[in-house]
């Protein structure tokens, strides 16, 4: 399964907006994606409730709710038909929760806004991903997204300098656009809107999804790098990787 985690400890950075638009794009392809919403505000689940019935289906999992009538594993179950799972993370996570949430992830997206507070929060978030969650840069699963940007401003230039310094792919630059606001209010994604209206913002979402689609190729490339560094056959490294993932 393609497990995509949208993560940033800073509230209001656009995690739910990103998660819902990715889900809407995948839904348009045919297979029903799922959104697992851990945010206590329940923004993604609320968006799903507003979603028109005639649009492609997206399954919602309210992970922020605790049920006394069902086990946690039953509550978090993902439909068999789901190939793409988008995880909308809460604003704050303990180290244990961070490790659990990112375990077995195919991709981790960190949206960042162009403000000093958001840049500081993103820096801490990425440090925790690398040092606490033990996300390996070589696996190529971590990427950042510049969100709600206005080009030709000092804040935008400062944000891009910071992102460039991370050595982590910047896969998209999203405008501070009303398209995202209108889509959220109606329970739709940019891919559900008329192309003439969603342009050019939908192109940036396409860039994100295009990068996400390469998760298997990135994983195989990482395994080849590991094999070369460890002087082991790729098949042997692949077997070890699968064993470790299965026991996690």
Protein backbone atom coordinates (compact mmCIF):
# COMPACT_ATOMS: atom_id res chain seq x y z
CA UNK A 1 0.00 0.00 0.00
CA UNK A 2 1.09 3.54 -0.79
CA UNK A 3 1.02 5.17 2.68
CA UNK A 4 1.45 8.94 2.49
CA UNK A 5 1.96 10.85 5.75
CA UNK A 6 1.35 14.61 5.76
CA UNK A 7 3.16 15.92 8.80
CA UNK A 8 4.14 19.14 10.55
CA UNK A 9 3.83 19.96 14.28
CA UNK A 10 2.74 23.50 13.44
CA UNK A 11 -1.02 23.93 13.27
CA UNK A 12 -2.56 25.78 10.35
CA UNK A 13 0.19 24.96 7.85
CA UNK A 14 -2.16 23.32 5.35
CA UNK A 15 -1.87 19.62 6.18
CA UNK A 16 -5.58 18.91 5.69
CA UNK A 17 -5.76 20.96 2.51
CA UNK A 18 -2.86 18.99 1.11
CA UNK A 19 -4.25 15.62 2.25
CA UNK A 20 -7.71 16.22 0.79
CA UNK A 21 -6.43 17.43 -2.57
CA UNK A 22 -4.12 14.44 -2.91
CA UNK A 23 -7.02 12.14 -2.05
CA UNK A 24 -9.29 13.83 -4.60
CA UNK A 25 -6.66 13.38 -7.30
CA UNK A 26 -6.26 9.67 -6.54
CA UNK A 27 -10.05 9.22 -6.42
CA UNK A 28 -10.30 10.54 -9.97
CA UNK A 29 -8.10 7.67 -11.13
CA UNK A 30 -10.67 5.05 -10.13
CA UNK A 31 -9.46 3.13 -7.07
CA UNK A 32 -10.96 4.47 -3.83
CA UNK A 33 -8.28 6.13 -1.66
CA UNK A 34 -8.61 6.51 2.11
CA UNK A 35 -7.90 9.45 4.41
CA UNK A 36 -6.89 8.61 7.98
CA UNK A 37 -7.50 11.75 10.02
CA UNK A 38 -5.57 11.96 13.31
CA UNK A 39 -6.15 15.68 13.80
CA UNK A 40 -8.56 16.33 16.71
CA UNK A 41 -10.11 19.14 14.67
CA UNK A 42 -11.27 16.51 12.17
CA UNK A 43 -10.87 18.84 9.19
CA UNK A 44 -10.41 16.08 6.62
CA UNK A 45 -13.40 14.10 7.90
CA UNK A 46 -15.53 17.27 7.89
CA UNK A 47 -14.42 17.88 4.30
CA UNK A 48 -15.51 14.35 3.37
CA UNK A 49 -18.95 14.96 4.88
CA UNK A 50 -19.34 18.00 2.60
CA UNK A 51 -18.23 16.04 -0.46
CA UNK A 52 -20.99 15.74 -3.10
CA UNK A 53 -22.34 12.21 -3.63
CA UNK A 54 -21.79 12.31 -7.39
CA UNK A 55 -18.00 12.65 -7.04
CA UNK A 56 -15.57 9.70 -6.87
CA UNK A 57 -15.62 8.07 -3.45
CA UNK A 58 -13.00 8.61 -0.75
CA UNK A 59 -13.08 6.53 2.43
CA UNK A 60 -12.62 8.39 5.70
CA UNK A 61 -11.18 7.03 8.94
CA UNK A 62 -11.65 9.21 12.03
CA UNK A 63 -8.48 8.12 13.82
CA UNK A 64 -8.78 10.99 16.30
CA UNK A 65 -11.87 9.37 17.83
CA UNK A 66 -11.58 6.72 20.53
CA UNK A 67 -14.28 4.07 20.41
CA UNK A 68 -15.29 1.92 23.37
CA UNK A 69 -17.31 -0.39 21.12
CA UNK A 70 -14.46 -1.47 18.84
CA UNK A 71 -10.78 -2.34 19.06
CA UNK A 72 -8.29 0.25 17.85
CA UNK A 73 -7.16 -1.98 14.98
CA UNK A 74 -10.77 -2.42 13.84
CA UNK A 75 -11.38 1.30 14.04
CA UNK A 76 -8.29 2.01 11.90
CA UNK A 77 -8.92 -0.72 9.33
CA UNK A 78 -8.41 0.26 5.70
CA UNK A 79 -10.70 -1.13 2.96
CA UNK A 80 -9.15 -3.85 0.81
CA UNK A 81 -9.75 -1.83 -2.34
CA UNK A 82 -7.66 1.09 -1.09
CA UNK A 83 -4.25 1.34 -2.72
CA UNK A 84 -3.42 4.86 -1.55
CA UNK A 85 -3.72 5.86 2.12
CA UNK A 86 -3.27 9.52 3.06
CA UNK A 87 -2.58 10.19 6.74
CA UNK A 88 -3.50 13.65 8.05
CA UNK A 89 -1.42 14.00 11.21
CA UNK A 90 -2.22 16.09 14.32
CA UNK A 91 -0.44 19.32 15.17
CA UNK A 92 1.62 17.79 17.98
CA UNK A 93 3.07 14.30 18.32
CA UNK A 94 5.03 12.48 20.99
CA UNK A 95 8.19 10.76 19.84
CA UNK A 96 6.48 7.37 20.13
CA UNK A 97 3.51 8.57 18.07
CA UNK A 98 5.87 10.04 15.47
CA UNK A 99 7.64 6.72 15.07
CA UNK A 100 4.34 4.83 14.88
CA UNK A 101 2.76 7.22 12.39
CA UNK A 102 5.71 7.17 9.98
CA UNK A 103 6.39 3.45 10.26
CA UNK A 104 5.89 1.66 6.94
CA UNK A 105 5.25 4.98 5.19
CA UNK A 106 5.96 5.23 1.47
CA UNK A 107 6.25 9.02 1.52
CA UNK A 108 6.34 11.80 4.11
CA UNK A 109 5.29 15.31 3.09
CA UNK A 110 6.10 18.38 5.19
CA UNK A 111 4.18 21.53 4.16
CA UNK A 112 5.88 24.76 5.24
CA UNK A 113 4.53 28.31 5.31
CA UNK A 114 6.70 31.40 4.65
CA UNK A 115 6.97 32.74 8.20
CA UNK A 116 9.77 32.62 10.76
CA UNK A 117 7.66 30.60 13.21
CA UNK A 118 6.73 28.06 10.56
CA UNK A 119 10.31 27.74 9.36
CA UNK A 120 11.48 27.07 12.92
CA UNK A 121 8.73 24.47 13.42
CA UNK A 122 9.58 22.76 10.14
CA UNK A 123 13.26 22.64 11.07
CA UNK A 124 12.42 20.88 14.35
CA UNK A 125 10.00 18.55 12.57
CA UNK A 126 12.56 17.42 10.03
CA UNK A 127 15.19 16.96 12.75
CA UNK A 128 12.78 14.70 14.64
CA UNK A 129 12.02 12.72 11.50
CA UNK A 130 15.71 12.10 10.88
CA UNK A 131 16.89 11.57 14.47
CA UNK A 132 13.83 10.21 16.31
CA UNK A 133 11.79 8.44 13.64
CA UNK A 134 15.05 7.36 11.97
CA UNK A 135 13.89 8.29 8.48
CA UNK A 136 16.81 7.59 6.18
CA UNK A 137 17.47 10.38 3.66
CA UNK A 138 18.70 7.76 1.20
CA UNK A 139 15.26 6.14 1.09
CA UNK A 140 13.97 9.21 -0.74
CA UNK A 141 10.63 9.18 1.07
CA UNK A 142 10.84 12.67 2.60
CA UNK A 143 9.87 15.85 0.74
CA UNK A 144 8.85 19.41 1.56
CA UNK A 145 6.20 21.65 0.02
CA UNK A 146 6.23 25.43 0.11
CA UNK A 147 2.65 26.40 0.93
CA UNK A 148 0.58 29.60 0.62
CA UNK A 149 3.41 31.43 -1.04
CA UNK A 150 3.53 34.80 -2.73
CA UNK A 151 6.43 35.09 -5.10
CA UNK A 152 8.64 38.17 -5.23
CA UNK A 153 8.27 38.71 -1.47
CA UNK A 154 10.99 38.64 1.18
CA UNK A 155 9.19 35.91 3.11
CA UNK A 156 9.08 33.69 0.01
CA UNK A 157 12.80 34.21 -0.64
CA UNK A 158 13.59 33.40 3.00
CA UNK A 159 11.48 30.24 2.86
CA UNK A 160 13.14 29.00 -0.34
CA UNK A 161 16.62 29.62 1.10
CA UNK A 162 15.67 27.57 4.15
CA UNK A 163 14.22 24.73 2.09
CA UNK A 164 17.26 24.67 -0.20
CA UNK A 165 19.52 24.35 2.85
CA UNK A 166 17.79 21.15 3.99
CA UNK A 167 19.02 19.00 1.14
CA UNK A 168 15.51 17.53 0.89
CA UNK A 169 13.45 17.69 -2.33
CA UNK A 170 11.10 20.65 -2.74
CA UNK A 171 8.46 18.99 -4.90
CA UNK A 172 5.93 21.82 -5.23
CA UNK A 173 5.28 25.49 -4.52
CA UNK A 174 1.61 26.18 -3.76
CA UNK A 175 0.23 29.69 -4.17
CA UNK A 176 -1.78 31.58 -1.59
CA UNK A 177 -4.83 30.89 -3.74
CA UNK A 178 -8.58 31.10 -3.14
CA UNK A 179 -8.96 27.92 -5.18
CA UNK A 180 -7.92 25.89 -2.14
CA UNK A 181 -10.34 27.81 0.09
CA UNK A 182 -13.30 27.32 -2.26
CA UNK A 183 -12.47 23.63 -2.72
CA UNK A 184 -12.32 23.05 1.04
CA UNK A 185 -15.67 24.78 1.59
CA UNK A 186 -17.40 22.56 -0.99
CA UNK A 187 -15.80 19.25 -0.06
CA UNK A 188 -13.98 18.94 -3.37
CA UNK A 189 -10.40 18.88 -4.58
CA UNK A 190 -8.83 20.96 -7.32
CA UNK A 191 -9.17 17.96 -9.64
CA UNK A 192 -12.95 18.07 -9.15
CA UNK A 193 -13.12 21.70 -10.30
CA UNK A 194 -13.28 22.93 -13.92
CA UNK A 195 -9.70 22.92 -15.29
CA UNK A 196 -9.95 26.55 -16.37
CA UNK A 197 -10.72 27.56 -12.79
CA UNK A 198 -8.24 25.28 -11.00
CA UNK A 199 -5.32 26.29 -13.23
CA UNK A 200 -2.46 26.84 -12.41
CA UNK A 201 -2.80 25.43 -8.88
CA UNK A 202 -3.81 21.98 -10.07
CA UNK A 203 -0.46 21.69 -11.86
CA UNK A 204 1.36 21.90 -8.54
CA UNK A 205 -0.86 19.18 -7.05
CA UNK A 206 -0.05 17.07 -10.11
CA UNK A 207 3.66 17.57 -9.36
CA UNK A 208 3.11 16.31 -5.81
CA UNK A 209 1.16 13.25 -6.92
CA UNK A 210 3.68 12.55 -9.67
CA UNK A 211 6.44 12.45 -7.05
CA UNK A 212 4.31 10.27 -4.76
CA UNK A 213 3.72 7.81 -7.60
CA UNK A 214 7.45 7.13 -7.72
CA UNK A 215 7.57 5.63 -4.22
CA UNK A 216 8.36 2.09 -5.38
CA UNK A 217 11.12 3.27 -7.70
CA UNK A 218 12.62 5.39 -4.90
CA UNK A 219 12.57 2.42 -2.54
CA UNK A 220 14.28 0.15 -5.07
CA UNK A 221 16.91 2.80 -5.73
CA UNK A 222 17.56 3.10 -1.98
CA UNK A 223 18.00 -0.67 -1.74
CA UNK A 224 20.55 -0.60 -4.56
CA UNK A 225 22.48 2.14 -2.75
CA UNK A 226 22.41 0.10 0.46
CA UNK A 227 23.65 -2.95 -1.42
CA UNK A 228 26.60 -1.07 -2.90
CA UNK A 229 27.56 0.46 0.44
CA UNK A 230 27.28 -2.85 2.28
CA UNK A 231 28.86 -4.82 -0.56
CA UNK A 232 25.88 -7.20 -0.64
CA UNK A 233 23.70 -8.43 -3.51
CA UNK A 234 20.55 -6.35 -3.99
CA UNK A 235 18.39 -9.45 -3.50
CA UNK A 236 19.97 -10.02 -0.07
CA UNK A 237 19.38 -6.40 1.02
CA UNK A 238 15.78 -6.59 -0.23
CA UNK A 239 15.16 -9.72 1.84
CA UNK A 240 16.60 -8.08 4.97
CA UNK A 241 14.52 -4.94 4.36
CA UNK A 242 11.30 -6.97 4.03
CA UNK A 243 12.09 -8.97 7.18
CA UNK A 244 12.70 -5.79 9.20
CA UNK A 245 9.50 -4.18 7.89
CA UNK A 246 7.46 -7.25 8.73
CA UNK A 247 8.74 -7.42 12.30
CA UNK A 248 8.25 -3.67 12.98
